[in-house]
Amino acid sequence: MKNFLLALLSIFSFTAMAQYYEFMVGEFGYEIISLEDRTVAVGYAEPGGSGVYVIPEKITYSDVEFSVIRIDFMAFSTWGIKSVTIPPSIELIEPAGFWNTSYERIETIIISDSPKVLDCTCISGTVNNTYTGQFGTTQCKNVYIGRDLKYDPFYDDDYNLPYEPFFGLNTLENIEIGEYVTDITHLERTDLSNLKGFTLHAATPPAITATTFSNLQYLTLEVKVPAEAVETYKSAKHWSNFIKITAIEENSVNLNVDYNDADATVYVNKQLYSGEMVFEKGVDIELSILPARGKEIHSVLVNGVELVDKLENNTLYLDNVEENLLVKLDFSMPPCMVRLIGGDGGCIALPVSSGSSLDLTFEPNEGWKINAIFVNDDEKTYDLNNNVLHIDNIVVDCYVSVVFEKEYNRVAGTSGNDVSIAILDRAIAIENPSNELVEIYNTSGCKLYQKSGSCTYRPQQSGIYIIKVGNRVYKVAI
């Protein structure tokens, strides 16, 4: 297999090869690996555009979601590539996946952070009898290695060279190692003579050998590591050879917002907050707080300092942030007003604590009964229990109105003629056999209606009304 691959690659050393793929999604062509497992491989990177390629972890094609788990043979032989980001979902890079001999070589390789090992067990072949590793022909300047790399440890019989992933590179200027990496001995055969920047985020020093770096690099290269791990690196095997081991100067700030998501919705710079956010130092932060119904902002602690009085329309503006922020939000329930309406001209306002409950007892006068009760626009007449209305969990202002009516519809007249007054469909119906003058007044004494004989009057609103029939006076509620 090895000899076949080398022979095949030597034929195509300076020629483009048509990569295999079955369908396109975005700027990549994909090959289906398994329909059952819903997995695909990147087989082709379409040239053009920005040149910045970010392989997705998942794609959707024909309404089916696939996981992207492999990079195929010569997938990135495309010209004009500036950078490629390899996501954690990629498990294997097939032989010569990054074979690239275009005039404009790949500048940056980013292998995203993951605790899973990435299989780079392959050799990209030869160019003019020069052996190269998986990324050897890219001639990239910058590389981020966020996971351990697996590669074939055997040596070529003729040249006694291992097939290390970055073997063949002599252009690397910056190497950054992620927190999950435990071994970078694969850099042993990489030409690091142009290396200027070397940063590690791993708290435990990854494995290296005494010859992974040159004596001159041990003397002159500045190695940046997490501040808490500086002394660990200085005493670790082979790392102790470096003279310049310094702490990473963090250029970012973290924002954490501590609150109960049932109390509010929070936006940071108009983006919905869903967990820790990272920004560059000096950023301006706009924290918008939308309290839930029945809640109000009680406290806004920023690194222990109360800033609730700095809110503008429930938004906190933090300019030129240079340090990590912990924002702690606390909410309370504002007081509510229950307003009792019994007639025209006003109401009785009863303050209650938000979230509390209230029992209202209605006591009709003798000969009267409750016709209807409304809480805001909802009728609650049938919720009465022995003339008591229970209102639970009051979190907003509410209006309670009651309408009383006579317990009987017929009223005896003093002249011996019967007058019948009934409340029908929110109207006052008066039967007046004697054809006496009927006058209707409100409680302020304003005459609203008059007519002789039987009649029907429909008030514009509920309330207490005075009815005069001849020289007799009646009172009704509607």
Protein backbone atom coordinates (compact mmCIF):
# COMPACT_ATOMS: atom_id res chain seq x y z
CA MET A 1 0.00 0.00 0.00
CA LYS A 2 2.78 2.39 0.93
CA ASN A 3 4.72 1.88 -2.32
CA PHE A 4 1.53 2.20 -4.36
CA LEU A 5 0.66 5.45 -2.63
CA LEU A 6 4.11 6.92 -3.12
CA ALA A 7 4.10 6.00 -6.78
CA LEU A 8 0.65 7.47 -7.26
CA LEU A 9 1.52 10.70 -5.51
CA SER A 10 4.77 11.18 -7.40
CA ILE A 11 2.78 11.12 -10.64
CA PHE A 12 0.60 13.95 -9.40
CA SER A 13 3.29 15.96 -7.64
CA PHE A 14 2.66 19.16 -9.58
CA THR A 15 -0.74 18.51 -11.11
CA ALA A 16 -4.24 19.02 -9.79
CA MET A 17 -6.33 15.95 -9.30
CA ALA A 18 -10.10 15.80 -9.44
CA GLN A 19 -11.20 14.86 -5.93
CA TYR A 20 -14.10 12.48 -5.41
CA TYR A 21 -17.33 13.72 -3.89
CA GLU A 22 -21.05 13.02 -4.24
CA PHE A 23 -22.72 16.32 -3.37
CA MET A 24 -21.90 19.91 -2.42
CA VAL A 25 -22.97 21.80 0.69
CA GLY A 26 -21.52 25.28 0.90
CA GLU A 27 -17.89 25.36 -0.19
CA PHE A 28 -17.23 21.65 0.40
CA GLY A 29 -17.94 18.51 -1.59
CA TYR A 30 -18.87 15.47 0.52
CA GLU A 31 -18.74 11.69 0.16
CA ILE A 32 -21.21 9.58 2.12
CA ILE A 33 -19.39 7.14 4.40
CA SER A 34 -22.44 5.50 5.98
CA LEU A 35 -26.11 6.22 5.46
CA GLU A 36 -26.94 4.15 8.52
CA ASP A 37 -24.55 6.10 10.77
CA ARG A 38 -25.22 9.40 8.94
CA THR A 39 -21.52 10.12 8.39
CA VAL A 40 -19.70 11.88 5.55
CA ALA A 41 -16.17 12.84 4.51
CA VAL A 42 -14.85 16.08 3.04
CA GLY A 43 -13.69 15.19 -0.46
CA TYR A 44 -13.28 18.59 -2.10
CA ALA A 45 -12.75 22.24 -1.13
CA GLU A 46 -14.09 24.60 -3.75
CA PRO A 47 -11.58 27.36 -4.67
CA GLY A 48 -12.43 31.04 -4.55
CA GLY A 49 -14.02 33.19 -1.89
CA SER A 50 -12.14 34.36 1.18
CA GLY A 51 -9.82 31.35 1.28
CA VAL A 52 -10.75 30.77 4.91
CA TYR A 53 -12.13 27.22 5.21
CA VAL A 54 -13.89 26.06 8.37
CA ILE A 55 -15.01 22.44 8.17
CA PRO A 56 -18.42 22.04 9.87
CA GLU A 57 -19.04 19.31 12.41
CA LYS A 58 -22.48 18.60 10.96
CA ILE A 59 -24.23 19.28 7.67
CA THR A 60 -27.75 18.79 6.36
CA TYR A 61 -28.38 17.43 2.89
CA SER A 62 -31.77 16.40 1.51
CA ASP A 63 -33.26 16.95 5.00
CA VAL A 64 -30.80 14.47 6.55
CA GLU A 65 -28.22 15.56 9.12
CA PHE A 66 -24.73 14.05 8.73
CA SER A 67 -21.66 14.14 10.98
CA VAL A 68 -18.43 15.12 9.22
CA ILE A 69 -15.81 12.63 10.45
CA ARG A 70 -13.12 12.31 7.76
CA ILE A 71 -10.96 14.29 5.33
CA ASP A 72 -10.35 12.40 2.10
CA PHE A 73 -7.38 12.03 -0.25
CA MET A 74 -6.27 15.40 -1.69
CA ALA A 75 -9.34 17.19 -0.36
CA PHE A 76 -7.28 20.33 0.23
CA SER A 77 -5.20 20.43 -2.94
CA THR A 78 -7.29 23.49 -3.88
CA TRP A 79 -5.48 26.73 -4.67
CA GLY A 80 -5.93 29.99 -2.80
CA ILE A 81 -6.35 28.48 0.66
CA LYS A 82 -5.42 30.86 3.47
CA SER A 83 -6.45 28.75 6.44
CA VAL A 84 -8.22 25.50 7.31
CA THR A 85 -9.96 24.75 10.62
CA ILE A 86 -10.39 21.06 11.46
CA PRO A 87 -13.27 20.48 13.93
CA PRO A 88 -13.33 17.96 16.80
CA SER A 89 -15.68 15.70 14.81
CA ILE A 90 -12.90 14.74 12.36
CA GLU A 91 -11.47 11.34 13.32
CA LEU A 92 -9.21 10.59 10.37
CA ILE A 93 -7.28 12.45 7.69
CA GLU A 94 -6.71 10.09 4.80
CA PRO A 95 -3.30 9.90 3.08
CA ALA A 96 -2.47 13.15 1.28
CA GLY A 97 -5.56 14.93 2.58
CA PHE A 98 -3.48 18.12 2.74
CA TRP A 99 -1.35 17.51 -0.33
CA ASN A 100 -1.00 21.03 -1.72
CA THR A 101 1.50 22.19 -4.32
CA SER A 102 -0.35 25.31 -5.52
CA TYR A 103 1.57 28.55 -5.84
CA GLU A 104 -0.25 30.05 -2.85
CA ARG A 105 0.21 27.49 -0.10
CA ILE A 106 -1.97 27.10 3.00
CA GLU A 107 -0.86 29.67 5.58
CA THR A 108 -2.63 28.47 8.72
CA ILE A 109 -3.73 25.07 10.02
CA ILE A 110 -6.07 25.02 13.03
CA ILE A 111 -6.73 21.65 14.67
CA SER A 112 -9.52 22.49 17.11
CA ASP A 113 -9.40 21.52 20.78
CA SER A 114 -10.54 18.02 21.64
CA PRO A 115 -9.51 15.27 24.06
CA LYS A 116 -9.90 12.76 21.19
CA VAL A 117 -6.83 11.72 19.18
CA LEU A 118 -6.77 12.72 15.50
CA ASP A 119 -5.52 9.95 13.21
CA CYS A 120 -2.85 11.31 10.86
CA THR A 121 -1.40 7.88 10.08
CA CYS A 122 -0.35 8.68 6.53
CA ILE A 123 2.40 10.08 4.36
CA SER A 124 1.80 12.60 1.64
CA GLY A 125 4.42 11.18 -0.67
CA THR A 126 7.36 12.84 -2.40
CA VAL A 127 8.08 15.94 -4.40
CA ASN A 128 11.42 15.66 -6.19
CA ASN A 129 12.32 12.78 -3.86
CA THR A 130 11.67 14.90 -0.76
CA TYR A 131 9.57 13.07 1.79
CA THR A 132 6.82 15.04 3.53
CA GLY A 133 4.29 14.38 6.28
CA GLN A 134 0.54 14.99 6.19
CA PHE A 135 0.93 18.78 6.31
CA GLY A 136 4.42 18.90 4.84
CA THR A 137 3.49 20.41 1.46
CA THR A 138 1.27 23.16 2.87
CA GLN A 139 4.24 25.32 3.83
CA CYS A 140 2.06 26.90 6.49
CA LYS A 141 3.40 29.56 8.83
CA ASN A 142 0.96 29.17 11.70
CA VAL A 143 -0.38 26.03 13.31
CA TYR A 144 -2.72 25.48 16.25
CA ILE A 145 -2.66 21.92 17.59
CA GLY A 146 -5.61 21.33 19.88
CA ARG A 147 -5.44 17.53 20.20
CA ASP A 148 -2.98 14.67 20.21
CA LEU A 149 -2.04 13.37 16.75
CA LYS A 150 -1.68 9.73 15.87
CA TYR A 151 0.79 8.84 13.11
CA ASP A 152 2.60 5.76 11.77
CA PRO A 153 5.83 5.40 13.76
CA PHE A 154 7.65 3.22 11.21
CA TYR A 155 10.66 4.46 9.22
CA ASP A 156 11.17 4.41 5.48
CA ASP A 157 13.69 1.68 4.63
CA ASP A 158 15.58 3.77 2.08
CA TYR A 159 15.78 7.12 3.82
CA ASN A 160 15.33 6.17 7.46
CA LEU A 161 12.73 8.89 7.95
CA PRO A 162 9.53 8.76 10.02
CA TYR A 163 6.23 9.90 8.63
CA GLU A 164 5.50 12.63 11.19
CA PRO A 165 2.54 14.96 10.46
CA PHE A 166 4.57 18.17 10.03
CA PHE A 167 7.70 16.62 8.57
CA GLY A 168 8.86 18.56 5.52
CA LEU A 169 7.85 21.98 6.81
CA ASN A 170 10.49 24.66 7.12
CA THR A 171 8.15 27.67 7.22
CA LEU A 172 6.54 27.46 10.65
CA GLU A 173 6.69 30.76 12.49
CA ASN A 174 4.08 30.27 15.20
CA ILE A 175 2.98 27.11 17.05
CA GLU A 176 0.18 27.11 19.60
CA ILE A 177 -0.64 24.01 21.63
CA GLY A 178 -4.08 23.43 23.18
CA GLU A 179 -4.94 22.32 26.70
CA TYR A 180 -5.71 18.68 25.77
CA VAL A 181 -2.37 17.92 24.10
CA THR A 182 -0.10 15.48 25.97
CA ASP A 183 2.57 14.71 23.35
CA ILE A 184 4.33 16.83 20.71
CA THR A 185 7.26 14.56 19.98
CA HIS A 186 5.94 14.51 16.38
CA LEU A 187 7.70 17.87 15.95
CA GLU A 188 11.02 16.03 16.28
CA ARG A 189 11.76 16.02 12.52
CA THR A 190 10.08 19.31 11.64
CA ASP A 191 12.40 22.16 10.64
CA LEU A 192 11.65 24.78 13.30
CA SER A 193 14.48 27.14 12.38
CA ASN A 194 12.00 29.96 11.55
CA LEU A 195 9.93 29.51 14.72
CA LYS A 196 9.26 32.84 16.45
CA GLY A 197 6.25 32.19 18.67
CA PHE A 198 5.58 29.14 20.85
CA THR A 199 2.55 29.11 23.18
CA LEU A 200 1.12 26.25 25.21
CA HIS A 201 -2.24 26.19 27.03
CA ALA A 202 -1.70 22.75 28.56
CA ALA A 203 -1.20 22.94 32.33
CA THR A 204 0.76 19.68 32.20
CA PRO A 205 3.84 19.89 29.95
CA PRO A 206 3.38 17.70 26.85
CA ALA A 207 6.02 15.07 26.15
CA ILE A 208 9.07 16.17 24.12
CA THR A 209 12.57 14.78 23.68
CA ALA A 210 15.95 16.37 24.27
CA THR A 211 16.25 16.99 20.51
CA THR A 212 12.73 18.14 19.67
CA PHE A 213 14.19 21.65 19.73
CA SER A 214 17.70 22.78 18.91
CA ASN A 215 20.18 24.01 21.48
CA LEU A 216 19.84 27.51 20.06
CA GLN A 217 16.06 27.39 20.46
CA TYR A 218 16.39 26.20 24.03
CA LEU A 219 18.49 29.30 24.58
CA THR A 220 16.59 31.96 22.63
CA LEU A 221 12.96 30.85 22.05
CA GLU A 222 10.41 32.34 24.44
CA VAL A 223 7.91 29.71 25.59
CA LYS A 224 4.60 31.05 26.88
CA VAL A 225 2.58 28.83 29.23
CA PRO A 226 -0.34 29.29 31.68
CA ALA A 227 0.70 31.48 34.61
CA GLU A 228 -0.07 28.75 37.14
CA ALA A 229 2.12 26.26 35.25
CA VAL A 230 5.32 28.31 34.78
CA GLU A 231 7.21 26.57 37.58
CA THR A 232 5.93 23.16 36.43
CA TYR A 233 7.40 23.69 32.96
CA LYS A 234 10.66 25.03 34.38
CA SER A 235 11.18 21.80 36.30
CA ALA A 236 9.75 19.32 33.73
CA LYS A 237 11.98 16.92 31.81
CA HIS A 238 13.54 18.57 28.73
CA TRP A 239 11.35 21.67 29.20
CA SER A 240 13.80 22.78 31.86
CA ASN A 241 16.31 23.30 29.02
CA PHE A 242 14.40 26.38 27.92
CA ILE A 243 15.85 29.54 29.40
CA LYS A 244 12.80 31.72 28.67
CA ILE A 245 9.57 30.29 30.04
CA THR A 246 7.04 33.04 30.76
CA ALA A 247 3.35 33.36 31.59
CA ILE A 248 0.80 33.93 28.85
CA GLU A 249 -0.43 37.50 28.80
CA GLU A 250 -4.16 37.02 28.58
CA ASN A 251 -5.75 39.31 26.00
CA SER A 252 -9.28 38.28 26.75
CA VAL A 253 -11.89 38.77 29.43
CA ASN A 254 -14.61 36.36 30.51
CA LEU A 255 -18.17 37.38 31.33
CA ASN A 256 -20.38 35.23 33.54
CA VAL A 257 -23.92 36.23 34.50
CA ASP A 258 -25.40 34.47 37.53
CA TYR A 259 -29.21 34.55 37.60
CA ASN A 260 -32.28 32.34 37.56
CA ASP A 261 -33.49 32.13 33.97
CA ALA A 262 -37.07 31.92 35.25
CA ASP A 263 -36.67 35.49 36.51
CA ALA A 264 -35.43 37.16 33.34
CA THR A 265 -33.99 36.96 29.85
CA VAL A 266 -30.51 38.45 29.43
CA TYR A 267 -28.82 39.75 26.29
CA VAL A 268 -25.13 40.66 25.98
CA ASN A 269 -24.32 42.99 23.11
CA LYS A 270 -27.75 42.06 21.70
CA GLN A 271 -26.86 38.35 21.77
CA LEU A 272 -28.90 35.99 23.95
CA TYR A 273 -26.79 34.98 26.96
CA SER A 274 -26.57 31.22 27.41
CA GLY A 275 -23.28 30.74 29.27
CA GLU A 276 -19.77 32.12 29.74
CA MET A 277 -18.75 34.58 27.03
CA VAL A 278 -15.21 35.58 26.03
CA PHE A 279 -14.26 39.01 24.67
CA GLU A 280 -11.07 40.83 23.81
CA LYS A 281 -9.79 43.19 26.48
CA GLY A 282 -11.07 46.72 26.11
CA VAL A 283 -14.47 45.63 24.82
CA ASP A 284 -17.62 47.66 25.50
CA ILE A 285 -20.36 45.46 26.96
CA GLU A 286 -24.09 46.17 26.82
CA LEU A 287 -26.02 44.01 29.29
CA SER A 288 -29.78 44.08 28.70
CA ILE A 289 -32.06 42.53 31.33
CA LEU A 290 -35.70 41.71 30.55
CA PRO A 291 -37.46 40.71 33.80
CA ALA A 292 -40.16 38.05 33.62
CA ARG A 293 -43.79 38.96 34.18
CA GLY A 294 -44.29 40.02 37.78
CA LYS A 295 -40.57 40.54 38.43
CA GLU A 296 -38.41 43.63 38.76
CA ILE A 297 -34.64 44.05 39.02
CA HIS A 298 -33.60 44.31 42.64
CA SER A 299 -29.80 44.07 42.45
CA VAL A 300 -27.01 44.08 39.84
CA LEU A 301 -23.68 43.14 41.41
CA VAL A 302 -20.65 43.42 39.11
CA ASN A 303 -17.61 41.85 40.76
CA GLY A 304 -19.28 42.61 44.11
CA VAL A 305 -20.13 46.25 43.34
CA GLU A 306 -23.80 47.25 43.27
CA LEU A 307 -24.66 48.95 39.96
CA VAL A 308 -28.44 48.69 39.89
CA ASP A 309 -28.69 52.49 39.96
CA LYS A 310 -26.61 52.63 36.76
CA LEU A 311 -29.28 50.84 34.73
CA GLU A 312 -30.76 52.74 31.82
CA ASN A 313 -34.05 51.21 30.69
CA ASN A 314 -32.95 47.91 32.25
CA THR A 315 -29.62 48.04 30.37
CA LEU A 316 -26.17 48.29 31.95
CA TYR A 317 -23.35 49.78 29.87
CA LEU A 318 -19.80 48.71 30.77
CA ASP A 319 -17.11 50.49 28.77
CA ASN A 320 -13.52 49.39 28.09
CA VAL A 321 -13.68 46.16 30.11
CA GLU A 322 -10.19 45.01 31.11
CA GLU A 323 -10.94 42.29 33.67
CA ASN A 324 -13.08 39.19 34.01
CA LEU A 325 -16.62 40.00 35.09
CA LEU A 326 -19.04 38.14 37.33
CA VAL A 327 -22.48 39.73 37.20
CA LYS A 328 -24.96 38.56 39.82
CA LEU A 329 -28.61 39.48 39.22
CA ASP A 330 -31.29 39.43 41.89
CA PHE A 331 -34.99 40.05 41.30
CA SER A 332 -38.00 40.89 43.44
CA MET A 333 -41.73 41.15 42.96
CA PRO A 334 -43.05 44.74 42.86
CA PRO A 335 -46.13 45.66 44.95
CA CYS A 336 -49.47 45.45 43.16
CA MET A 337 -52.72 47.41 43.54
CA VAL A 338 -56.13 45.80 43.70
CA ARG A 339 -58.73 48.44 42.83
CA LEU A 340 -62.32 47.83 43.94
CA ILE A 341 -65.00 49.40 41.77
CA GLY A 342 -68.57 49.67 43.03
CA GLY A 343 -70.00 52.52 40.99
CA ASP A 344 -69.23 55.73 39.13
CA GLY A 345 -66.67 58.30 40.12
CA GLY A 346 -63.77 56.30 41.53
CA CYS A 347 -62.55 53.16 43.23
CA ILE A 348 -60.89 51.86 46.37
CA ALA A 349 -57.15 51.05 45.92
CA LEU A 350 -55.82 48.22 48.05
CA PRO A 351 -52.03 47.62 47.96
CA VAL A 352 -50.83 44.01 48.18
CA SER A 353 -47.44 42.34 47.90
CA SER A 354 -46.65 40.90 44.49
CA GLY A 355 -47.26 37.17 44.42
CA SER A 356 -49.65 37.24 47.35
CA SER A 357 -53.26 36.08 47.47
CA LEU A 358 -56.41 37.87 48.52
CA ASP A 359 -59.91 36.88 49.69
CA LEU A 360 -62.64 39.43 48.96
CA THR A 361 -65.99 39.08 50.72
CA PHE A 362 -69.03 40.69 49.05
CA GLU A 363 -72.00 41.64 51.23
CA PRO A 364 -75.13 42.64 49.30
CA ASN A 365 -77.66 44.80 51.15
CA GLU A 366 -80.92 43.23 52.24
CA GLY A 367 -83.04 42.46 49.24
CA TRP A 368 -80.07 42.61 46.87
CA LYS A 369 -77.84 39.95 45.33
CA ILE A 370 -74.63 39.74 43.32
CA ASN A 371 -75.30 39.94 39.59
CA ALA A 372 -71.73 39.75 38.27
CA ILE A 373 -68.10 40.10 39.35
CA PHE A 374 -65.21 40.96 37.03
CA VAL A 375 -61.45 40.83 37.66
CA ASN A 376 -60.01 43.00 34.92
CA ASP A 377 -61.92 41.72 31.88
CA ASP A 378 -62.54 38.20 33.15
CA GLU A 379 -65.88 37.34 34.73
CA LYS A 380 -65.39 35.56 38.05
CA THR A 381 -69.05 35.33 39.16
CA TYR A 382 -69.00 31.55 39.19
CA ASP A 383 -65.78 31.48 41.25
CA LEU A 384 -67.64 32.83 44.28
CA ASN A 385 -67.80 30.56 47.30
CA ASN A 386 -70.27 31.81 49.93
CA ASN A 387 -69.85 35.32 48.49
CA VAL A 388 -66.05 35.07 48.86
CA LEU A 389 -63.78 35.49 45.82
CA HIS A 390 -60.24 34.10 46.11
CA ILE A 391 -57.60 35.77 43.90
CA ASP A 392 -54.34 33.84 43.83
CA ASN A 393 -50.77 34.94 42.94
CA ILE A 394 -51.39 38.61 42.24
CA VAL A 395 -48.40 39.79 40.15
CA VAL A 396 -49.98 42.69 38.24
CA ASP A 397 -52.41 45.46 39.10
CA CYS A 398 -56.02 44.34 38.81
CA TYR A 399 -59.49 45.85 38.91
CA VAL A 400 -62.34 44.14 40.70
CA SER A 401 -65.86 45.33 39.88
CA VAL A 402 -69.16 44.05 41.21
CA VAL A 403 -72.73 44.53 39.99
CA PHE A 404 -75.66 44.03 42.39
CA GLU A 405 -79.31 43.49 41.51
CA LYS A 406 -82.61 43.14 43.34
CA GLU A 407 -83.48 39.63 44.45
CA TYR A 408 -86.93 40.01 42.86
CA ASN A 409 -88.12 41.65 39.69
CA ARG A 410 -91.54 43.00 40.72
CA VAL A 411 -91.91 46.07 42.94
CA ALA A 412 -95.29 47.08 44.45
CA GLY A 413 -96.39 50.63 43.62
CA THR A 414 -98.06 52.91 46.13
CA SER A 415 -100.88 53.85 43.76
CA GLY A 416 -102.05 50.28 43.57
CA ASN A 417 -100.65 49.85 40.12
CA ASP A 418 -97.83 47.29 39.91
CA VAL A 419 -94.49 48.34 38.40
CA SER A 420 -92.16 45.56 37.24
CA ILE A 421 -88.41 46.27 36.94
CA ALA A 422 -86.14 43.57 35.56
CA ILE A 423 -82.48 43.37 34.55
CA LEU A 424 -82.39 41.64 31.18
CA ASP A 425 -79.20 41.27 29.16
CA ARG A 426 -77.53 44.24 30.88
CA ALA A 427 -80.59 46.43 30.30
CA ILE A 428 -83.23 47.84 32.66
CA ALA A 429 -86.69 46.69 31.53
CA ILE A 430 -89.63 48.55 33.14
CA GLU A 431 -93.28 47.45 32.84
CA ASN A 432 -95.44 50.48 33.64
CA PRO A 433 -99.17 49.62 33.15
CA SER A 434 -100.30 53.06 34.33
CA ASN A 435 -98.18 54.87 31.73
CA GLU A 436 -96.62 57.05 34.42
CA LEU A 437 -93.50 59.09 33.68
CA VAL A 438 -90.28 57.08 34.09
CA GLU A 439 -87.05 58.96 34.92
CA ILE A 440 -83.61 57.34 35.37
CA TYR A 441 -80.72 59.06 37.19
CA ASN A 442 -77.15 58.12 38.05
CA THR A 443 -75.83 58.41 41.61
CA SER A 444 -74.58 61.94 40.89
CA GLY A 445 -78.13 63.07 40.26
CA CYS A 446 -77.81 63.50 36.50
CA LYS A 447 -80.92 62.53 34.57
CA LEU A 448 -80.03 59.94 31.95
CA TYR A 449 -83.41 58.98 30.53
CA GLN A 450 -87.13 59.69 30.67
CA LYS A 451 -90.20 58.24 28.98
CA SER A 452 -93.86 57.60 29.80
CA GLY A 453 -95.16 54.06 29.97
CA SER A 454 -93.24 50.81 29.71
CA CYS A 455 -89.66 51.15 28.44
CA THR A 456 -86.21 49.59 28.26
CA TYR A 457 -83.00 51.50 29.05
CA ARG A 458 -79.49 50.15 28.35
CA PRO A 459 -76.84 51.99 30.40
CA GLN A 460 -73.44 52.57 28.81
CA GLN A 461 -71.68 51.13 31.85
CA SER A 462 -72.28 49.12 34.98
CA GLY A 463 -73.21 50.94 38.13
CA ILE A 464 -76.01 52.02 40.49
CA TYR A 465 -79.06 53.70 38.93
CA ILE A 466 -82.03 55.53 40.53
CA ILE A 467 -85.42 54.93 38.85
CA LYS A 468 -88.36 57.29 39.51
CA VAL A 469 -91.79 56.07 38.38
CA GLY A 470 -94.39 58.71 39.17
CA ASN A 471 -93.76 59.60 42.79
CA ARG A 472 -92.08 56.30 43.65
CA VAL A 473 -88.27 55.75 43.71
CA TYR A 474 -86.33 52.50 43.12
CA LYS A 475 -82.60 51.67 43.04
CA VAL A 476 -81.02 49.03 40.80
CA ALA A 477 -77.47 47.88 40.05
CA ILE A 478 -76.26 46.62 36.71
